[in-house]
Amino acid sequence: MPAKTGKAIFLKSFPQGLPAKDHFVSRSFEAPAPADGEVQLRIVWMSVDPYMRGRMRPDIKSYIPPFSLDAPLDGGAVGQVIESRHPSFAAGDYAVGFSGGWREYATVAGAGLQKVDPGMAPLSAYLGVLGMPGFTAWAGLNEIIKPKAGETVFVSGAAGAVGSLVCQLAKLKGCRVVASAGSKEKCDWLTREGGADVALNYRDYKNATELTKALAAAAPKGVDGYFENVGGMHLEAALNCIAFGGRIALCGMISMYNNTEPEPGPPNLVNMIGRGVMAQGFIISNYLPLAPKFAFEVAPLLDQGKIKFRESVYEGLEKAPDAFIGLFKGENFGKAVVRVGPDRI
């Protein structure tokens, strides 16, 4: 099969502060015919995720290389195989991987792909509840917080792709769940379907002091486990309310990703000493060997209706910058995904 040419989204310049649409540009891009071990894909769905903002800072060393202005942006995607030169894939198969997003066609290493079944779940779910965000939620909760029945778990960014699954898994383990989100609609869903006993609309609180009072009322015995997605006043409030022996899973701090100047750290880190608190940062690649265990636990819960998920769907590759920018404005409800092409052609 020949190379396939389609559209792709590139960075026009590296953003300072909150990204804007004029930082992005659509260009023609050719996905070459696959070499040995490679697979050529027609991209159906792509993911936008907060970690991508860190890849737009070429001057900052991170666990993943920065984006280039000379190549398309990249990220998780689900695609249909056009041509395969990898023994695990055949034309017509569907596959998900950490690469191939932000473009209509991609040629990627087959070793980085996983075959998925469109009959088991919607294809987009393999980028959310059954994909990297879901695995991140499961790993942070089970491997770091390790909640016990009767404990209280606090989750910031609770209506997002990661936080919403943390809430539900913690509830299924018998925990009291306190969630934080940025709208009444999101808070109502969290208490109705998303596993939360209490949902706090953080926009109702002007500062960490006010949020601390609300969190203390919602968690009168203290916070045993905190799943951190936001940073800022959420971390300060959590540290004010953290219980003796508390555990904190440091997954993200989205409130800080667009800062042009360093933000002062929380003034109450000292609480961690006397209360014996453990805080651990992590990235999901640390836990890749546990992916089968994650799928074995979460996929049946989804099939049984014990896990719910929401998506914010953007139609068309040209909407990918809007979807990405919306993450930092709290516009997404659940996983933000972009439909690049039809499921079948």
C-alpha atoms as a PDB file:
ATOM      1  CA  MET A   1       0.000   0.000   0.000  1.00  0.00           C
ATOM      2  CA  PRO A   2       1.240   3.543  -0.682  1.00  0.00           C
ATOM      3  CA  ALA A   3       1.797   6.383   1.726  1.00  0.00           C
ATOM      4  CA  LYS A   4      -1.370   8.119   2.925  1.00  0.00           C
ATOM      5  CA  THR A   5      -1.639  11.910   2.943  1.00  0.00           C
ATOM      6  CA  GLY A   6      -4.011  13.803   5.191  1.00  0.00           C
ATOM      7  CA  LYS A   7      -4.171  16.690   7.613  1.00  0.00           C
ATOM      8  CA  ALA A   8      -2.205  17.008  10.839  1.00  0.00           C
ATOM      9  CA  ILE A   9      -2.005  19.622  13.595  1.00  0.00           C
ATOM     10  CA  PHE A  10       1.367  21.256  14.265  1.00  0.00           C
ATOM     11  CA  LEU A  11       2.495  23.812  16.811  1.00  0.00           C
ATOM     12  CA  LYS A  12       3.143  27.139  15.104  1.00  0.00           C
ATOM     13  CA  SER A  13       4.960  28.465  18.182  1.00  0.00           C
ATOM     14  CA  PHE A  14       5.484  27.432  21.795  1.00  0.00           C
ATOM     15  CA  PRO A  15       2.862  29.037  24.056  1.00  0.00           C
ATOM     16  CA  GLN A  16       3.713  31.175  27.053  1.00  0.00           C
ATOM     17  CA  GLY A  17       0.854  30.867  29.503  1.00  0.00           C
ATOM     18  CA  LEU A  18      -2.507  29.525  28.358  1.00  0.00           C
ATOM     19  CA  PRO A  19      -2.334  28.157  24.788  1.00  0.00           C
ATOM     20  CA  ALA A  20      -4.488  29.896  22.166  1.00  0.00           C
ATOM     21  CA  LYS A  21      -5.772  28.751  18.785  1.00  0.00           C
ATOM     22  CA  ASP A  22      -3.164  30.795  16.944  1.00  0.00           C
ATOM     23  CA  HIS A  23      -0.448  28.587  18.463  1.00  0.00           C
ATOM     24  CA  PHE A  24      -1.710  25.737  16.252  1.00  0.00           C
ATOM     25  CA  VAL A  25      -1.759  25.209  12.497  1.00  0.00           C
ATOM     26  CA  SER A  26      -3.140  22.497  10.200  1.00  0.00           C
ATOM     27  CA  ARG A  27      -0.802  21.191   7.507  1.00  0.00           C
ATOM     28  CA  SER A  28      -0.627  18.341   5.045  1.00  0.00           C
ATOM     29  CA  PHE A  29       1.169  15.285   6.430  1.00  0.00           C
ATOM     30  CA  GLU A  30       2.214  12.018   4.818  1.00  0.00           C
ATOM     31  CA  ALA A  31       2.114   8.750   6.736  1.00  0.00           C
ATOM     32  CA  PRO A  32       4.540   6.470   4.904  1.00  0.00           C
ATOM     33  CA  ALA A  33       3.905   2.879   3.939  1.00  0.00           C
ATOM     34  CA  PRO A  34       4.799   0.720   6.948  1.00  0.00           C
ATOM     35  CA  ALA A  35       8.223  -0.851   7.295  1.00  0.00           C
ATOM     36  CA  ASP A  36       8.774  -4.195   9.000  1.00  0.00           C
ATOM     37  CA  GLY A  37       7.166  -4.127  12.462  1.00  0.00           C
ATOM     38  CA  GLU A  38       5.037  -1.078  11.665  1.00  0.00           C
ATOM     39  CA  VAL A  39       1.331  -0.478  11.146  1.00  0.00           C
ATOM     40  CA  GLN A  40      -0.374   2.203   9.056  1.00  0.00           C
ATOM     41  CA  LEU A  41      -3.563   3.530  10.667  1.00  0.00           C
ATOM     42  CA  ARG A  42      -6.569   5.592   9.744  1.00  0.00           C
ATOM     43  CA  ILE A  43      -7.165   7.553  12.944  1.00  0.00           C
ATOM     44  CA  VAL A  44     -10.733   7.387  14.255  1.00  0.00           C
ATOM     45  CA  TRP A  45     -10.425   8.987  17.713  1.00  0.00           C
ATOM     46  CA  MET A  46      -7.667  10.994  19.370  1.00  0.00           C
ATOM     47  CA  SER A  47      -7.086  12.104  22.931  1.00  0.00           C
ATOM     48  CA  VAL A  48      -6.152  15.460  24.410  1.00  0.00           C
ATOM     49  CA  ASP A  49      -4.551  15.295  27.844  1.00  0.00           C
ATOM     50  CA  PRO A  50      -3.082  17.820  30.310  1.00  0.00           C
ATOM     51  CA  TYR A  51       0.383  16.240  30.202  1.00  0.00           C
ATOM     52  CA  MET A  52       0.726  17.488  26.614  1.00  0.00           C
ATOM     53  CA  ARG A  53       1.129  21.025  27.943  1.00  0.00           C
ATOM     54  CA  GLY A  54       4.455  20.019  29.462  1.00  0.00           C
ATOM     55  CA  ARG A  55       5.651  18.881  26.044  1.00  0.00           C
ATOM     56  CA  MET A  56       5.124  22.428  24.780  1.00  0.00           C
ATOM     57  CA  ARG A  57       7.941  23.702  27.025  1.00  0.00           C
ATOM     58  CA  PRO A  58      11.186  22.787  25.242  1.00  0.00           C
ATOM     59  CA  ASP A  59      13.303  24.512  27.887  1.00  0.00           C
ATOM     60  CA  ILE A  60      12.066  22.306  30.737  1.00  0.00           C
ATOM     61  CA  LYS A  61      13.416  18.779  31.218  1.00  0.00           C
ATOM     62  CA  SER A  62      10.683  16.214  31.693  1.00  0.00           C
ATOM     63  CA  TYR A  63      10.030  12.479  31.566  1.00  0.00           C
ATOM     64  CA  ILE A  64       8.955  12.757  27.918  1.00  0.00           C
ATOM     65  CA  PRO A  65      10.606  14.710  25.071  1.00  0.00           C
ATOM     66  CA  PRO A  66       9.121  18.085  24.052  1.00  0.00           C
ATOM     67  CA  PHE A  67       7.142  18.573  20.876  1.00  0.00           C
ATOM     68  CA  SER A  68       8.878  19.972  17.802  1.00  0.00           C
ATOM     69  CA  LEU A  69       7.617  22.754  15.562  1.00  0.00           C
ATOM     70  CA  ASP A  70       8.630  20.617  12.567  1.00  0.00           C
ATOM     71  CA  ALA A  71       6.506  17.542  13.296  1.00  0.00           C
ATOM     72  CA  PRO A  72       2.845  17.010  14.124  1.00  0.00           C
ATOM     73  CA  LEU A  73       1.727  17.010  17.718  1.00  0.00           C
ATOM     74  CA  ASP A  74       1.290  13.505  19.063  1.00  0.00           C
ATOM     75  CA  GLY A  75      -0.705  11.585  21.628  1.00  0.00           C
ATOM     76  CA  GLY A  76      -3.054   8.718  22.259  1.00  0.00           C
ATOM     77  CA  ALA A  77      -5.280   7.536  19.434  1.00  0.00           C
ATOM     78  CA  VAL A  78      -7.549   4.734  18.301  1.00  0.00           C
ATOM     79  CA  GLY A  79      -7.267   3.812  14.646  1.00  0.00           C
ATOM     80  CA  GLN A  80      -8.221   1.213  12.082  1.00  0.00           C
ATOM     81  CA  VAL A  81      -5.406  -0.686  10.414  1.00  0.00           C
ATOM     82  CA  ILE A  82      -4.942   0.118   6.726  1.00  0.00           C
ATOM     83  CA  GLU A  83      -1.811  -1.979   6.229  1.00  0.00           C
ATOM     84  CA  SER A  84       0.223  -4.027   8.678  1.00  0.00           C
ATOM     85  CA  ARG A  85       3.720  -5.403   8.645  1.00  0.00           C
ATOM     86  CA  HIS A  86       3.433  -6.564  12.233  1.00  0.00           C
ATOM     87  CA  PRO A  87       2.282 -10.134  12.930  1.00  0.00           C
ATOM     88  CA  SER A  88      -0.261  -9.131  15.601  1.00  0.00           C
ATOM     89  CA  PHE A  89      -2.337  -6.879  13.333  1.00  0.00           C
ATOM     90  CA  ALA A  90      -4.231  -7.249  10.082  1.00  0.00           C
ATOM     91  CA  ALA A  91      -6.015  -4.778   7.832  1.00  0.00           C
ATOM     92  CA  GLY A  92      -9.358  -3.815   9.380  1.00  0.00           C
ATOM     93  CA  ASP A  93      -8.289  -4.358  12.984  1.00  0.00           C
ATOM     94  CA  TYR A  94      -8.741  -1.569  15.522  1.00  0.00           C
ATOM     95  CA  ALA A  95      -5.842  -0.610  17.776  1.00  0.00           C
ATOM     96  CA  VAL A  96      -5.058   1.905  20.496  1.00  0.00           C
ATOM     97  CA  GLY A  97      -1.671   3.375  21.334  1.00  0.00           C
ATOM     98  CA  PHE A  98       0.115   6.277  22.970  1.00  0.00           C
ATOM     99  CA  SER A  99       1.046   7.690  19.545  1.00  0.00           C
ATOM    100  CA  GLY A 100      -0.752   8.624  16.325  1.00  0.00           C
ATOM    101  CA  GLY A 101      -2.989  11.437  17.534  1.00  0.00           C
ATOM    102  CA  TRP A 102      -3.349  14.931  16.046  1.00  0.00           C
ATOM    103  CA  ARG A 103      -3.389  13.584  12.460  1.00  0.00           C
ATOM    104  CA  GLU A 104      -5.678  11.740  10.058  1.00  0.00           C
ATOM    105  CA  TYR A 105      -3.190   8.993   9.176  1.00  0.00           C
ATOM    106  CA  ALA A 106      -0.277   7.585  11.165  1.00  0.00           C
ATOM    107  CA  THR A 107       2.405   4.969  10.706  1.00  0.00           C
ATOM    108  CA  VAL A 108       3.573   3.669  14.068  1.00  0.00           C
ATOM    109  CA  ALA A 109       5.440   0.771  15.629  1.00  0.00           C
ATOM    110  CA  GLY A 110       3.141  -2.192  16.105  1.00  0.00           C
ATOM    111  CA  ALA A 111       4.862  -3.008  19.388  1.00  0.00           C
ATOM    112  CA  GLY A 112       3.296   0.107  20.909  1.00  0.00           C
ATOM    113  CA  LEU A 113      -0.261  -0.828  19.944  1.00  0.00           C
ATOM    114  CA  GLN A 114      -2.958  -2.924  21.570  1.00  0.00           C
ATOM    115  CA  LYS A 115      -5.791  -4.478  19.610  1.00  0.00           C
ATOM    116  CA  VAL A 116      -9.244  -3.389  20.826  1.00  0.00           C
ATOM    117  CA  ASP A 117     -12.734  -4.767  20.353  1.00  0.00           C
ATOM    118  CA  PRO A 118     -15.343  -2.233  19.132  1.00  0.00           C
ATOM    119  CA  GLY A 119     -18.045  -4.648  20.255  1.00  0.00           C
ATOM    120  CA  MET A 120     -17.001  -4.577  23.917  1.00  0.00           C
ATOM    121  CA  ALA A 121     -17.048  -0.796  24.374  1.00  0.00           C
ATOM    122  CA  PRO A 122     -17.239   2.350  22.243  1.00  0.00           C
ATOM    123  CA  LEU A 123     -13.899   2.936  20.545  1.00  0.00           C
ATOM    124  CA  SER A 124     -13.461   6.254  22.338  1.00  0.00           C
ATOM    125  CA  ALA A 125     -13.615   4.472  25.719  1.00  0.00           C
ATOM    126  CA  TYR A 126     -10.189   2.972  24.996  1.00  0.00           C
ATOM    127  CA  LEU A 127      -8.805   6.514  25.332  1.00  0.00           C
ATOM    128  CA  GLY A 128     -10.654   7.129  28.597  1.00  0.00           C
ATOM    129  CA  VAL A 129     -12.107   4.766  31.148  1.00  0.00           C
ATOM    130  CA  LEU A 130     -10.442   1.713  29.532  1.00  0.00           C
ATOM    131  CA  GLY A 131      -7.333   3.605  28.450  1.00  0.00           C
ATOM    132  CA  MET A 132      -4.506   5.650  29.888  1.00  0.00           C
ATOM    133  CA  PRO A 133      -6.682   7.897  32.126  1.00  0.00           C
ATOM    134  CA  GLY A 134      -8.532   4.907  33.544  1.00  0.00           C
ATOM    135  CA  PHE A 135      -5.306   3.037  34.170  1.00  0.00           C
ATOM    136  CA  THR A 136      -3.863   6.153  35.825  1.00  0.00           C
ATOM    137  CA  ALA A 137      -6.852   6.372  38.169  1.00  0.00           C
ATOM    138  CA  TRP A 138      -6.653   2.681  39.049  1.00  0.00           C
ATOM    139  CA  ALA A 139      -2.896   2.692  39.639  1.00  0.00           C
ATOM    140  CA  GLY A 140      -2.780   5.851  41.749  1.00  0.00           C
ATOM    141  CA  LEU A 141      -5.630   4.654  43.927  1.00  0.00           C
ATOM    142  CA  ASN A 142      -4.573   1.035  44.362  1.00  0.00           C
ATOM    143  CA  GLU A 143      -0.788   1.312  44.343  1.00  0.00           C
ATOM    144  CA  ILE A 144      -0.303   4.576  46.269  1.00  0.00           C
ATOM    145  CA  ILE A 145      -3.405   5.459  48.297  1.00  0.00           C
ATOM    146  CA  LYS A 146      -4.349   1.807  48.944  1.00  0.00           C
ATOM    147  CA  PRO A 147      -7.715   2.697  50.496  1.00  0.00           C
ATOM    148  CA  LYS A 148      -9.436   0.600  53.115  1.00  0.00           C
ATOM    149  CA  ALA A 149     -13.179   0.336  53.644  1.00  0.00           C
ATOM    150  CA  GLY A 150     -14.412   3.103  55.936  1.00  0.00           C
ATOM    151  CA  GLU A 151     -11.635   5.538  55.037  1.00  0.00           C
ATOM    152  CA  THR A 152     -12.229   8.934  53.418  1.00  0.00           C
ATOM    153  CA  VAL A 153     -10.799   9.692  49.970  1.00  0.00           C
ATOM    154  CA  PHE A 154     -10.705  13.238  48.574  1.00  0.00           C
ATOM    155  CA  VAL A 155     -10.432  13.681  44.799  1.00  0.00           C
ATOM    156  CA  SER A 156      -9.714  16.971  43.023  1.00  0.00           C
ATOM    157  CA  GLY A 157     -10.553  17.332  39.353  1.00  0.00           C
ATOM    158  CA  ALA A 158     -13.196  14.735  40.122  1.00  0.00           C
ATOM    159  CA  ALA A 159     -15.326  15.217  37.006  1.00  0.00           C
ATOM    160  CA  GLY A 160     -12.396  14.611  34.676  1.00  0.00           C
ATOM    161  CA  ALA A 161     -11.407  11.369  32.990  1.00  0.00           C
ATOM    162  CA  VAL A 162      -9.083  10.302  35.810  1.00  0.00           C
ATOM    163  CA  GLY A 163     -10.878  11.749  38.824  1.00  0.00           C
ATOM    164  CA  SER A 164     -14.307  10.378  37.966  1.00  0.00           C
ATOM    165  CA  LEU A 165     -13.001   6.813  37.924  1.00  0.00           C
ATOM    166  CA  VAL A 166     -11.044   7.325  41.155  1.00  0.00           C
ATOM    167  CA  CYS A 167     -14.289   8.367  42.859  1.00  0.00           C
ATOM    168  CA  GLN A 168     -16.178   5.325  41.651  1.00  0.00           C
ATOM    169  CA  LEU A 169     -13.446   2.808  42.424  1.00  0.00           C
ATOM    170  CA  ALA A 170     -12.966   4.256  45.919  1.00  0.00           C
ATOM    171  CA  LYS A 171     -16.708   4.043  46.560  1.00  0.00           C
ATOM    172  CA  LEU A 172     -16.800   0.429  45.399  1.00  0.00           C
ATOM    173  CA  LYS A 173     -14.074  -0.280  47.960  1.00  0.00           C
ATOM    174  CA  GLY A 174     -16.301   1.025  50.743  1.00  0.00           C
ATOM    175  CA  CYS A 175     -14.778   4.465  51.193  1.00  0.00           C
ATOM    176  CA  ARG A 176     -16.410   7.800  51.907  1.00  0.00           C
ATOM    177  CA  VAL A 177     -15.694   9.889  48.812  1.00  0.00           C
ATOM    178  CA  VAL A 178     -15.398  13.681  48.773  1.00  0.00           C
ATOM    179  CA  ALA A 179     -15.076  15.161  45.295  1.00  0.00           C
ATOM    180  CA  SER A 180     -14.222  18.605  43.954  1.00  0.00           C
ATOM    181  CA  ALA A 181     -15.336  19.903  40.558  1.00  0.00           C
ATOM    182  CA  GLY A 182     -16.015  23.230  38.878  1.00  0.00           C
ATOM    183  CA  SER A 183     -19.767  23.408  38.230  1.00  0.00           C
ATOM    184  CA  LYS A 184     -23.103  22.465  39.765  1.00  0.00           C
ATOM    185  CA  GLU A 185     -23.793  20.139  36.834  1.00  0.00           C
ATOM    186  CA  LYS A 186     -20.583  18.246  37.460  1.00  0.00           C
ATOM    187  CA  CYS A 187     -21.149  18.091  41.215  1.00  0.00           C
ATOM    188  CA  ASP A 188     -24.707  16.840  40.751  1.00  0.00           C
ATOM    189  CA  TRP A 189     -23.490  14.046  38.443  1.00  0.00           C
ATOM    190  CA  LEU A 190     -20.745  13.073  40.875  1.00  0.00           C
ATOM    191  CA  THR A 191     -23.179  12.570  43.757  1.00  0.00           C
ATOM    192  CA  ARG A 192     -25.873  11.010  41.559  1.00  0.00           C
ATOM    193  CA  GLU A 193     -23.777   8.631  39.435  1.00  0.00           C
ATOM    194  CA  GLY A 194     -20.084   9.282  40.014  1.00  0.00           C
ATOM    195  CA  GLY A 195     -19.550   7.655  43.407  1.00  0.00           C
ATOM    196  CA  ALA A 196     -19.197  10.803  45.547  1.00  0.00           C
ATOM    197  CA  ASP A 197     -20.870  11.179  48.928  1.00  0.00           C
ATOM    198  CA  VAL A 198     -20.184  14.924  48.844  1.00  0.00           C
ATOM    199  CA  ALA A 199     -19.174  17.070  45.866  1.00  0.00           C
ATOM    200  CA  LEU A 200     -17.725  20.545  46.431  1.00  0.00           C
ATOM    201  CA  ASN A 201     -17.946  23.175  43.703  1.00  0.00           C
ATOM    202  CA  TYR A 202     -14.525  24.773  44.130  1.00  0.00           C
ATOM    203  CA  ARG A 203     -15.711  27.941  42.401  1.00  0.00           C
ATOM    204  CA  ASP A 204     -17.798  28.624  45.523  1.00  0.00           C
ATOM    205  CA  TYR A 205     -14.616  29.107  47.585  1.00  0.00           C
ATOM    206  CA  LYS A 206     -12.348  32.112  47.227  1.00  0.00           C
ATOM    207  CA  ASN A 207      -9.247  30.625  48.803  1.00  0.00           C
ATOM    208  CA  ALA A 208      -7.742  27.638  50.593  1.00  0.00           C
ATOM    209  CA  THR A 209      -9.160  28.737  53.939  1.00  0.00           C
ATOM    210  CA  GLU A 210     -12.731  28.591  52.663  1.00  0.00           C
ATOM    211  CA  LEU A 211     -12.144  25.307  50.843  1.00  0.00           C
ATOM    212  CA  THR A 212     -10.566  23.846  53.988  1.00  0.00           C
ATOM    213  CA  LYS A 213     -13.706  24.618  56.012  1.00  0.00           C
ATOM    214  CA  ALA A 214     -15.911  22.893  53.441  1.00  0.00           C
ATOM    215  CA  LEU A 215     -13.598  19.896  53.183  1.00  0.00           C
ATOM    216  CA  ALA A 216     -13.351  19.553  56.964  1.00  0.00           C
ATOM    217  CA  ALA A 217     -17.151  19.487  57.196  1.00  0.00           C
ATOM    218  CA  ALA A 218     -17.356  16.851  54.453  1.00  0.00           C
ATOM    219  CA  ALA A 219     -14.547  14.755  55.982  1.00  0.00           C
ATOM    220  CA  PRO A 220     -15.007  15.071  59.760  1.00  0.00           C
ATOM    221  CA  LYS A 221     -12.608  12.182  60.465  1.00  0.00           C
ATOM    222  CA  GLY A 222      -9.964  13.637  58.186  1.00  0.00           C
ATOM    223  CA  VAL A 223      -8.784  12.757  54.691  1.00  0.00           C
ATOM    224  CA  ASP A 224      -7.060   9.366  54.600  1.00  0.00           C
ATOM    225  CA  GLY A 225      -6.282   9.456  50.896  1.00  0.00           C
ATOM    226  CA  TYR A 226      -5.986  12.409  48.544  1.00  0.00           C
ATOM    227  CA  PHE A 227      -5.835  11.970  44.775  1.00  0.00           C
ATOM    228  CA  GLU A 228      -4.234  15.165  43.487  1.00  0.00           C
ATOM    229  CA  ASN A 229      -5.121  16.391  40.008  1.00  0.00           C
ATOM    230  CA  VAL A 230      -5.275  20.164  40.495  1.00  0.00           C
ATOM    231  CA  GLY A 231      -2.746  21.641  42.937  1.00  0.00           C
ATOM    232  CA  GLY A 232      -3.009  25.157  44.362  1.00  0.00           C
ATOM    233  CA  MET A 233      -5.610  25.657  47.041  1.00  0.00           C
ATOM    234  CA  HIS A 234      -6.790  22.045  46.681  1.00  0.00           C
ATOM    235  CA  LEU A 235      -3.459  20.709  47.898  1.00  0.00           C
ATOM    236  CA  GLU A 236      -3.335  23.238  50.713  1.00  0.00           C
ATOM    237  CA  ALA A 237      -6.853  22.310  51.850  1.00  0.00           C
ATOM    238  CA  ALA A 238      -6.065  18.600  51.635  1.00  0.00           C
ATOM    239  CA  LEU A 239      -2.937  19.056  53.773  1.00  0.00           C
ATOM    240  CA  ASN A 240      -4.978  20.976  56.342  1.00  0.00           C
ATOM    241  CA  CYS A 241      -7.433  18.077  56.585  1.00  0.00           C
ATOM    242  CA  ILE A 242      -5.097  15.130  56.066  1.00  0.00           C
ATOM    243  CA  ALA A 243      -5.448  12.355  58.625  1.00  0.00           C
ATOM    244  CA  PHE A 244      -2.639  10.664  60.553  1.00  0.00           C
ATOM    245  CA  GLY A 245      -1.071   8.147  58.193  1.00  0.00           C
ATOM    246  CA  GLY A 246      -2.637   9.840  55.168  1.00  0.00           C
ATOM    247  CA  ARG A 247      -1.509   8.983  51.631  1.00  0.00           C
ATOM    248  CA  ILE A 248      -1.385  11.372  48.681  1.00  0.00           C
ATOM    249  CA  ALA A 249      -1.176  10.287  45.026  1.00  0.00           C
ATOM    250  CA  LEU A 250       0.347  13.183  43.087  1.00  0.00           C
ATOM    251  CA  CYS A 251      -1.054  12.657  39.610  1.00  0.00           C
ATOM    252  CA  GLY A 252      -1.263  16.214  38.251  1.00  0.00           C
ATOM    253  CA  MET A 253      -1.505  19.904  39.105  1.00  0.00           C
ATOM    254  CA  ILE A 254      -3.405  21.348  36.171  1.00  0.00           C
ATOM    255  CA  SER A 255      -3.967  24.707  37.882  1.00  0.00           C
ATOM    256  CA  MET A 256      -0.228  25.391  37.530  1.00  0.00           C
ATOM    257  CA  TYR A 257       0.551  24.141  34.009  1.00  0.00           C
ATOM    258  CA  ASN A 258       0.162  27.512  32.298  1.00  0.00           C
ATOM    259  CA  ASN A 259       1.884  29.629  34.945  1.00  0.00           C
ATOM    260  CA  THR A 260       4.558  31.904  33.536  1.00  0.00           C
ATOM    261  CA  GLU A 261       6.093  32.377  36.993  1.00  0.00           C
ATOM    262  CA  PRO A 262       6.616  29.716  39.687  1.00  0.00           C
ATOM    263  CA  GLU A 263       3.738  29.482  42.144  1.00  0.00           C
ATOM    264  CA  PRO A 264       4.639  29.413  45.858  1.00  0.00           C
ATOM    265  CA  GLY A 265       4.284  25.993  47.421  1.00  0.00           C
ATOM    266  CA  PRO A 266       1.643  25.317  50.066  1.00  0.00           C
ATOM    267  CA  PRO A 267       2.614  26.850  53.434  1.00  0.00           C
ATOM    268  CA  ASN A 268       1.448  23.836  55.407  1.00  0.00           C
ATOM    269  CA  LEU A 269       3.744  21.053  54.170  1.00  0.00           C
ATOM    270  CA  VAL A 270       4.875  20.782  57.774  1.00  0.00           C
ATOM    271  CA  ASN A 271       1.615  18.944  58.517  1.00  0.00           C
ATOM    272  CA  MET A 272       3.045  15.940  56.690  1.00  0.00           C
ATOM    273  CA  ILE A 273       5.733  15.445  59.315  1.00  0.00           C
ATOM    274  CA  GLY A 274       3.723  15.094  62.498  1.00  0.00           C
ATOM    275  CA  ARG A 275       0.891  13.264  60.789  1.00  0.00           C
ATOM    276  CA  GLY A 276       3.158  10.742  59.074  1.00  0.00           C
ATOM    277  CA  VAL A 277       1.848  11.531  55.598  1.00  0.00           C
ATOM    278  CA  MET A 278       3.204   9.818  52.491  1.00  0.00           C
ATOM    279  CA  ALA A 279       3.005  11.706  49.161  1.00  0.00           C
ATOM    280  CA  GLN A 280       4.178  10.083  45.950  1.00  0.00           C
ATOM    281  CA  GLY A 281       4.276  11.437  42.425  1.00  0.00           C
ATOM    282  CA  PHE A 282       3.832   9.004  39.554  1.00  0.00           C
ATOM    283  CA  ILE A 283       3.438   8.606  35.829  1.00  0.00           C
ATOM    284  CA  ILE A 284       1.498   5.718  34.377  1.00  0.00           C
ATOM    285  CA  SER A 285       4.456   4.236  32.507  1.00  0.00           C
ATOM    286  CA  ASN A 286       5.801   3.242  35.939  1.00  0.00           C
ATOM    287  CA  TYR A 287       2.966   0.735  36.202  1.00  0.00           C
ATOM    288  CA  LEU A 288       2.690  -0.714  32.681  1.00  0.00           C
ATOM    289  CA  PRO A 289       3.220  -4.307  33.886  1.00  0.00           C
ATOM    290  CA  LEU A 290      -0.047  -3.942  35.854  1.00  0.00           C
ATOM    291  CA  ALA A 291      -2.150  -3.036  32.786  1.00  0.00           C
ATOM    292  CA  PRO A 292      -3.704  -6.530  32.479  1.00  0.00           C
ATOM    293  CA  LYS A 293      -4.721  -6.417  36.152  1.00  0.00           C
ATOM    294  CA  PHE A 294      -6.352  -3.017  35.590  1.00  0.00           C
ATOM    295  CA  ALA A 295      -8.298  -4.284  32.573  1.00  0.00           C
ATOM    296  CA  PHE A 296      -9.333  -7.452  34.428  1.00  0.00           C
ATOM    297  CA  GLU A 297     -10.863  -5.371  37.243  1.00  0.00           C
ATOM    298  CA  VAL A 298     -12.349  -2.374  35.435  1.00  0.00           C
ATOM    299  CA  ALA A 299     -13.684  -3.845  32.165  1.00  0.00           C
ATOM    300  CA  PRO A 300     -16.205  -6.140  33.938  1.00  0.00           C
ATOM    301  CA  LEU A 301     -17.344  -3.270  36.186  1.00  0.00           C
ATOM    302  CA  LEU A 302     -18.017  -1.195  33.080  1.00  0.00           C
ATOM    303  CA  ASP A 303     -19.882  -4.072  31.421  1.00  0.00           C
ATOM    304  CA  GLN A 304     -21.990  -4.578  34.566  1.00  0.00           C
ATOM    305  CA  GLY A 305     -22.920  -0.893  34.703  1.00  0.00           C
ATOM    306  CA  LYS A 306     -21.099  -0.389  38.002  1.00  0.00           C
ATOM    307  CA  ILE A 307     -18.796   2.176  36.401  1.00  0.00           C
ATOM    308  CA  LYS A 308     -20.157   5.219  34.551  1.00  0.00           C
ATOM    309  CA  PHE A 309     -18.232   7.563  32.307  1.00  0.00           C
ATOM    310  CA  ARG A 310     -18.787  10.844  30.560  1.00  0.00           C
ATOM    311  CA  GLU A 311     -17.160  12.259  27.429  1.00  0.00           C
ATOM    312  CA  SER A 312     -16.795  15.691  25.882  1.00  0.00           C
ATOM    313  CA  VAL A 313     -16.756  14.953  22.154  1.00  0.00           C
ATOM    314  CA  TYR A 314     -15.283  17.324  19.581  1.00  0.00           C
ATOM    315  CA  GLU A 315     -16.066  16.592  15.938  1.00  0.00           C
ATOM    316  CA  GLY A 316     -13.255  16.867  13.408  1.00  0.00           C
ATOM    317  CA  LEU A 317      -9.479  17.126  13.607  1.00  0.00           C
ATOM    318  CA  GLU A 318      -9.672  20.909  13.273  1.00  0.00           C
ATOM    319  CA  LYS A 319     -11.384  20.990  16.699  1.00  0.00           C
ATOM    320  CA  ALA A 320      -8.419  19.360  18.455  1.00  0.00           C
ATOM    321  CA  PRO A 321      -6.890  22.705  19.580  1.00  0.00           C
ATOM    322  CA  ASP A 322     -10.265  23.749  21.051  1.00  0.00           C
ATOM    323  CA  ALA A 323     -10.504  20.442  22.912  1.00  0.00           C
ATOM    324  CA  PHE A 324      -6.992  20.835  24.297  1.00  0.00           C
ATOM    325  CA  ILE A 325      -7.399  24.468  25.363  1.00  0.00           C
ATOM    326  CA  GLY A 326     -10.727  23.593  26.984  1.00  0.00           C
ATOM    327  CA  LEU A 327      -8.967  21.275  29.431  1.00  0.00           C
ATOM    328  CA  PHE A 328      -7.414  24.288  31.160  1.00  0.00           C
ATOM    329  CA  LYS A 329     -10.696  26.188  31.314  1.00  0.00           C
ATOM    330  CA  GLY A 330     -12.611  23.312  32.905  1.00  0.00           C
ATOM    331  CA  GLU A 331     -14.806  22.913  29.829  1.00  0.00           C
ATOM    332  CA  ASN A 332     -14.505  19.137  29.616  1.00  0.00           C
ATOM    333  CA  PHE A 333     -16.918  16.878  31.446  1.00  0.00           C
ATOM    334  CA  GLY A 334     -15.235  13.508  31.675  1.00  0.00           C
ATOM    335  CA  LYS A 335     -12.767  12.535  28.960  1.00  0.00           C
ATOM    336  CA  ALA A 336     -12.177  15.027  26.153  1.00  0.00           C
ATOM    337  CA  VAL A 337     -11.900  13.169  22.843  1.00  0.00           C
ATOM    338  CA  VAL A 338     -11.805  14.250  19.209  1.00  0.00           C
ATOM    339  CA  ARG A 339     -13.488  12.255  16.459  1.00  0.00           C
ATOM    340  CA  VAL A 340     -11.069  12.366  13.545  1.00  0.00           C
ATOM    341  CA  GLY A 341     -12.903   9.971  11.233  1.00  0.00           C
ATOM    342  CA  PRO A 342     -15.839   7.547  11.116  1.00  0.00           C
ATOM    343  CA  ASP A 343     -15.674   4.231  12.950  1.00  0.00           C
ATOM    344  CA  ARG A 344     -16.061   2.435   9.631  1.00  0.00           C
ATOM    345  CA  ILE A 345     -15.668   3.412   5.996  1.00  0.00           C
END
